[in-house]
Amino acid sequence: MHGRESALKADGLFDIGGRVAVVTGGGGDLCGSMCLALGARGARVAVLDLKPDKAEAVAEAVRKAGGEARAFACSVLDERAMADHCSAIQRLWGAPDILVNGAGGNDPRGSTSMEFLDASGPSNPDAGSFFDLDAEAIRATFELNFQGTLLPTRVFARGMVEKGKGAILNMSSMSALTPLTKVGAYSAAKAAVANFTRWLAVHFSRTGVRVNALAPGFFLTEQLRFLHIDRETGRFTERAQKVIAHTPLGRYGEPDDLWGTLLWLVSDASLFVTGVVVPVDGGFSAYSI
């Protein structure tokens, strides 16, 4: 290909104008920011969230910035409700072109309060170990993260398969690649999302639908802030100091740090990319001593 032809092709690689994007967990810090990025690039954004007020706030922010967005309230575990929303979206804009499976989270009852179990030390009833994990919390964590990725995909990807083109972006986690201490259930659930991403990429590979995932490192979302910022002093907790020490770029991520990778993976710039889990982590996964 000649230079001018290459330039013309490259010019439209990241163009998603007019495409229909569905974002679950769209009322959250990271996915809300991604809704803004998609809207700014011309996509029509369906913001799905369990909390109607948060979904509407993000949709309104997209509209105020000049984009097009609608809010839809539902649980990602309610397949029937999502199917109704999918029908509404299709009547409004057409079948989805992009699906961002962003809903997820952790149940503190499925996490330990200690990093290491010392079998030789004295018993401490306040120090939760593996043996103290709540089975229901573990189940709920897996349902929200794994089923909450699988079920929306069953609903919103059908139209992509029928028209022979689409991009699915799942939200895994740094803890899926390098299991973090304490959050055993969450780490395992996000590892399942990463594995499912690769499996589905192969399964969909002949349909024109690509499937990839982001593995964010540490971002100071509201969900994380209470564990990493001391409420009284406003300073980093001991765990937060460990995070910074093991992040080569020396800081937490900002929501817009995800935009570039997001737009790459949902646009034609990544037409030959499927089945990858991309760390966006300031080098956390690459660092060792």
Protein backbone atom coordinates (compact mmCIF):
# COMPACT_ATOMS: atom_id res chain seq x y z
CA MET A 1 0.00 0.00 0.00
CA HIS A 2 1.29 3.43 -0.96
CA GLY A 3 1.97 6.07 1.70
CA ARG A 4 -1.11 8.19 0.91
CA GLU A 5 -3.41 5.14 0.99
CA SER A 6 -1.90 4.06 4.29
CA ALA A 7 -2.44 7.52 5.76
CA LEU A 8 -6.05 7.61 4.63
CA LYS A 9 -6.72 4.18 6.15
CA ALA A 10 -4.99 5.06 9.41
CA ASP A 11 -6.97 8.30 9.72
CA GLY A 12 -10.22 6.43 10.42
CA LEU A 13 -8.89 3.59 12.54
CA PHE A 14 -10.21 4.93 15.85
CA ASP A 15 -13.49 6.24 14.43
CA ILE A 16 -16.51 4.89 16.33
CA GLY A 17 -18.91 7.64 15.29
CA GLY A 18 -22.50 6.43 15.07
CA ARG A 19 -21.79 3.07 16.69
CA VAL A 20 -24.00 1.82 19.50
CA ALA A 21 -22.17 1.13 22.75
CA VAL A 22 -23.62 -0.64 25.78
CA VAL A 23 -21.72 -0.16 29.06
CA THR A 24 -22.71 -2.15 32.14
CA GLY A 25 -21.69 -0.71 35.47
CA GLY A 26 -21.80 2.58 33.60
CA GLY A 27 -22.62 4.58 36.71
CA GLY A 28 -19.30 3.74 38.36
CA ASP A 29 -16.12 5.77 38.39
CA LEU A 30 -14.16 3.89 35.73
CA CYS A 31 -17.04 2.86 33.47
CA GLY A 32 -18.68 6.26 33.80
CA SER A 33 -15.46 7.78 32.52
CA MET A 34 -15.43 5.27 29.66
CA CYS A 35 -18.98 6.31 28.75
CA LEU A 36 -17.73 9.88 28.43
CA ALA A 37 -14.86 8.74 26.20
CA LEU A 38 -17.17 6.74 23.94
CA GLY A 39 -19.67 9.59 23.72
CA ALA A 40 -16.94 12.10 22.92
CA ARG A 41 -15.87 9.94 19.98
CA GLY A 42 -19.40 9.89 18.56
CA ALA A 43 -20.78 6.62 19.87
CA ARG A 44 -24.37 6.39 21.08
CA VAL A 45 -24.04 5.19 24.65
CA ALA A 46 -26.47 3.04 26.61
CA VAL A 47 -25.51 3.45 30.27
CA LEU A 48 -26.61 0.43 32.32
CA ASP A 49 -26.33 0.42 36.09
CA LEU A 50 -28.08 -1.10 39.07
CA LYS A 51 -28.62 2.39 40.48
CA PRO A 52 -30.88 4.53 38.25
CA ASP A 53 -29.61 7.85 39.59
CA LYS A 54 -26.00 7.01 38.81
CA ALA A 55 -26.85 5.78 35.33
CA GLU A 56 -28.80 8.95 34.59
CA ALA A 57 -26.04 11.18 35.97
CA VAL A 58 -23.51 9.65 33.59
CA ALA A 59 -25.91 9.77 30.63
CA GLU A 60 -26.57 13.44 31.37
CA ALA A 61 -22.83 14.14 31.55
CA VAL A 62 -22.37 12.54 28.13
CA ARG A 63 -25.20 14.65 26.70
CA LYS A 64 -23.85 17.85 28.24
CA ALA A 65 -20.52 17.13 26.55
CA GLY A 66 -22.31 16.96 23.19
CA GLY A 67 -22.77 13.18 22.99
CA GLU A 68 -25.82 10.95 22.78
CA ALA A 69 -26.70 8.69 25.72
CA ARG A 70 -29.59 7.02 27.50
CA ALA A 71 -29.73 5.51 31.00
CA PHE A 72 -31.10 2.04 31.74
CA ALA A 73 -31.45 0.64 35.24
CA CYS A 74 -31.08 -3.09 35.81
CA SER A 75 -28.99 -5.81 37.38
CA VAL A 76 -26.50 -7.62 35.17
CA LEU A 77 -27.80 -10.82 36.75
CA ASP A 78 -31.32 -10.19 35.42
CA GLU A 79 -31.21 -11.56 31.89
CA ARG A 80 -34.87 -10.83 31.17
CA ALA A 81 -34.57 -7.15 32.14
CA MET A 82 -31.45 -6.80 30.00
CA ALA A 83 -33.25 -8.39 27.07
CA ASP A 84 -36.02 -5.79 27.41
CA HIS A 85 -33.41 -3.03 27.47
CA CYS A 86 -31.68 -4.53 24.43
CA SER A 87 -34.96 -4.39 22.51
CA ALA A 88 -35.40 -0.75 23.54
CA ILE A 89 -31.87 0.09 22.44
CA GLN A 90 -32.41 -1.60 19.09
CA ARG A 91 -35.60 0.38 18.52
CA LEU A 92 -33.79 3.57 19.45
CA TRP A 93 -30.45 3.18 17.67
CA GLY A 94 -30.11 -0.35 16.26
CA ALA A 95 -28.23 -3.41 17.48
CA PRO A 96 -25.16 -2.81 19.68
CA ASP A 97 -21.75 -2.60 18.03
CA ILE A 98 -19.79 -2.36 21.30
CA LEU A 99 -20.31 -4.00 24.67
CA VAL A 100 -18.27 -3.03 27.71
CA ASN A 101 -18.86 -5.49 30.56
CA GLY A 102 -17.90 -3.18 33.38
CA ALA A 103 -20.16 -4.26 36.23
CA GLY A 104 -18.32 -5.97 39.07
CA GLY A 105 -17.04 -5.59 42.58
CA ASN A 106 -15.96 -7.29 45.75
CA ASP A 107 -17.77 -8.36 48.91
CA PRO A 108 -15.55 -7.64 51.95
CA ARG A 109 -16.95 -10.75 53.65
CA GLY A 110 -15.19 -12.80 51.00
CA SER A 111 -11.80 -11.28 51.86
CA THR A 112 -9.38 -12.06 54.64
CA SER A 113 -8.13 -9.42 57.06
CA MET A 114 -4.65 -10.95 57.17
CA GLU A 115 -2.12 -11.49 54.39
CA PHE A 116 -0.42 -14.53 55.91
CA LEU A 117 -1.86 -17.34 58.03
CA ASP A 118 0.51 -18.14 60.88
CA ALA A 119 -0.42 -21.61 62.04
CA SER A 120 2.05 -21.50 64.92
CA GLY A 121 0.87 -18.20 66.39
CA PRO A 122 -1.83 -17.60 68.98
CA SER A 123 -5.44 -17.67 67.88
CA ASN A 124 -6.88 -14.24 67.14
CA PRO A 125 -10.66 -14.26 66.66
CA ASP A 126 -10.57 -10.78 65.11
CA ALA A 127 -8.08 -11.76 62.39
CA GLY A 128 -10.10 -13.29 59.59
CA SER A 129 -8.33 -16.07 57.69
CA PHE A 130 -9.22 -18.35 54.80
CA PHE A 131 -11.24 -20.48 57.22
CA ASP A 132 -13.40 -17.49 58.16
CA LEU A 133 -14.51 -16.56 54.64
CA ASP A 134 -18.24 -16.27 54.12
CA ALA A 135 -19.40 -18.85 51.56
CA GLU A 136 -22.37 -16.73 50.49
CA ALA A 137 -20.10 -13.72 49.93
CA ILE A 138 -17.79 -15.82 47.76
CA ARG A 139 -20.76 -17.02 45.69
CA ALA A 140 -22.07 -13.47 45.33
CA THR A 141 -18.63 -12.21 44.24
CA PHE A 142 -18.42 -14.87 41.53
CA GLU A 143 -21.96 -14.19 40.37
CA LEU A 144 -21.45 -10.45 40.07
CA ASN A 145 -18.11 -10.62 38.28
CA PHE A 146 -18.36 -13.77 36.18
CA GLN A 147 -22.09 -14.24 35.63
CA GLY A 148 -22.31 -10.46 35.39
CA THR A 149 -20.03 -10.70 32.36
CA LEU A 150 -21.46 -13.83 30.78
CA LEU A 151 -25.17 -12.91 30.96
CA PRO A 152 -24.95 -9.43 29.37
CA THR A 153 -22.83 -10.94 26.62
CA ARG A 154 -25.55 -13.51 25.89
CA VAL A 155 -28.05 -10.68 25.56
CA PHE A 156 -26.17 -7.92 23.75
CA ALA A 157 -23.79 -9.92 21.55
CA ARG A 158 -26.52 -11.73 19.64
CA GLY A 159 -27.14 -8.73 17.40
CA MET A 160 -23.40 -8.37 16.78
CA VAL A 161 -23.16 -11.98 15.63
CA GLU A 162 -26.18 -11.54 13.37
CA LYS A 163 -24.65 -8.55 11.57
CA GLY A 164 -21.15 -10.04 11.53
CA LYS A 165 -19.26 -7.36 13.42
CA GLY A 166 -18.76 -6.15 16.97
CA ALA A 167 -16.35 -5.60 19.83
CA ILE A 168 -16.74 -6.88 23.39
CA LEU A 169 -14.53 -5.54 26.14
CA ASN A 170 -14.58 -7.26 29.52
CA MET A 171 -13.22 -5.85 32.75
CA SER A 172 -10.79 -8.22 34.39
CA SER A 173 -8.30 -7.01 36.98
CA MET A 174 -4.65 -6.89 37.90
CA SER A 175 -5.57 -9.36 40.64
CA ALA A 176 -6.46 -11.89 37.94
CA LEU A 177 -2.88 -11.87 36.67
CA THR A 178 -1.12 -11.52 40.01
CA PRO A 179 -3.44 -12.62 42.84
CA LEU A 180 -3.49 -9.94 45.50
CA THR A 181 -3.39 -10.77 49.17
CA LYS A 182 -6.65 -10.76 51.14
CA VAL A 183 -9.05 -10.58 48.15
CA GLY A 184 -9.04 -14.27 47.25
CA ALA A 185 -12.60 -14.56 45.98
CA TYR A 186 -12.39 -11.37 43.91
CA SER A 187 -9.03 -12.39 42.40
CA ALA A 188 -10.37 -15.81 41.43
CA ALA A 189 -13.55 -14.32 39.95
CA LYS A 190 -11.59 -11.86 37.82
CA ALA A 191 -9.27 -14.68 36.72
CA ALA A 192 -12.41 -16.47 35.53
CA VAL A 193 -13.35 -13.36 33.52
CA ALA A 194 -9.89 -13.34 31.89
CA ASN A 195 -10.17 -17.04 31.02
CA PHE A 196 -13.71 -16.61 29.68
CA THR A 197 -12.51 -13.70 27.54
CA ARG A 198 -9.97 -15.89 25.78
CA TRP A 199 -12.43 -18.77 25.41
CA LEU A 200 -15.17 -16.58 23.93
CA ALA A 201 -12.71 -14.88 21.58
CA VAL A 202 -12.02 -18.25 19.98
CA HIS A 203 -15.69 -19.26 19.99
CA PHE A 204 -16.69 -16.01 18.25
CA SER A 205 -13.65 -15.82 15.98
CA ARG A 206 -15.54 -16.81 12.80
CA THR A 207 -18.40 -14.38 13.40
CA GLY A 208 -16.60 -11.03 13.11
CA VAL A 209 -17.06 -10.33 16.82
CA ARG A 210 -13.86 -9.70 18.79
CA VAL A 211 -13.54 -10.24 22.54
CA ASN A 212 -10.83 -8.67 24.70
CA ALA A 213 -10.39 -7.49 28.27
CA LEU A 214 -8.80 -4.75 30.31
CA ALA A 215 -6.89 -5.57 33.48
CA PRO A 216 -6.72 -2.26 35.36
CA GLY A 217 -4.14 -1.82 38.05
CA PHE A 218 -4.83 0.39 41.03
CA PHE A 219 -7.25 3.27 40.46
CA LEU A 220 -8.50 5.35 43.38
CA THR A 221 -12.20 4.74 42.84
CA GLU A 222 -14.69 5.24 45.66
CA GLN A 223 -14.74 1.47 46.12
CA LEU A 224 -11.00 1.42 46.76
CA ARG A 225 -10.49 4.74 48.49
CA PHE A 226 -11.65 3.68 51.96
CA LEU A 227 -9.01 0.92 52.06
CA HIS A 228 -6.17 3.03 50.73
CA ILE A 229 -6.73 6.48 52.23
CA ASP A 230 -6.78 6.99 55.99
CA ARG A 231 -10.00 8.81 56.83
CA GLU A 232 -8.50 10.79 59.70
CA THR A 233 -5.20 11.88 58.16
CA GLY A 234 -5.99 11.70 54.45
CA ARG A 235 -2.71 9.89 53.91
CA PHE A 236 -2.01 6.60 52.20
CA THR A 237 -2.55 3.52 54.33
CA GLU A 238 0.16 0.88 54.68
CA ARG A 239 -1.42 -1.14 51.88
CA ALA A 240 -1.51 1.92 49.62
CA GLN A 241 2.17 2.55 50.25
CA LYS A 242 2.88 -0.99 49.10
CA VAL A 243 0.88 -0.37 45.94
CA ILE A 244 2.85 2.76 45.07
CA ALA A 245 6.15 1.04 45.88
CA HIS A 246 5.30 -1.75 43.43
CA THR A 247 3.99 0.53 40.66
CA PRO A 248 6.95 1.72 38.55
CA LEU A 249 5.13 4.84 37.37
CA GLY A 250 4.76 5.78 41.03
CA ARG A 251 1.09 6.74 41.18
CA TYR A 252 -2.47 5.48 41.10
CA GLY A 253 -4.30 5.44 37.80
CA GLU A 254 -6.79 8.11 36.79
CA PRO A 255 -10.02 7.05 35.04
CA ASP A 256 -9.00 8.68 31.76
CA ASP A 257 -5.83 6.54 31.73
CA LEU A 258 -8.11 3.79 30.38
CA TRP A 259 -9.38 5.80 27.42
CA GLY A 260 -6.62 5.06 24.93
CA THR A 261 -6.73 1.29 25.43
CA LEU A 262 -10.53 1.34 25.47
CA LEU A 263 -10.78 3.18 22.13
CA TRP A 264 -8.12 0.95 20.58
CA LEU A 265 -9.90 -2.27 21.55
CA VAL A 266 -13.44 -1.24 20.54
CA SER A 267 -12.49 0.40 17.25
CA ASP A 268 -11.17 -0.85 13.92
CA ALA A 269 -7.66 0.00 15.11
CA SER A 270 -7.58 -3.49 16.66
CA LEU A 271 -9.26 -5.56 13.95
CA PHE A 272 -6.60 -8.28 14.25
CA VAL A 273 -6.65 -8.29 18.06
CA THR A 274 -8.86 -10.74 19.94
CA GLY A 275 -8.48 -12.86 23.04
CA VAL A 276 -6.05 -10.56 24.87
CA VAL A 277 -6.12 -9.24 28.43
CA VAL A 278 -4.34 -5.90 28.46
CA PRO A 279 -2.85 -4.58 31.72
CA VAL A 280 -3.29 -0.86 32.29
CA ASP A 281 -1.38 -0.75 35.54
CA GLY A 282 1.55 1.66 35.51
CA GLY A 283 3.93 -1.29 35.24
CA PHE A 284 2.65 -3.13 38.34
CA SER A 285 2.53 -6.51 36.58
CA ALA A 286 6.03 -6.08 35.14
CA TYR A 287 7.79 -5.18 38.40
CA SER A 288 9.64 -7.62 40.63
CA ILE A 289 12.51 -7.50 43.10
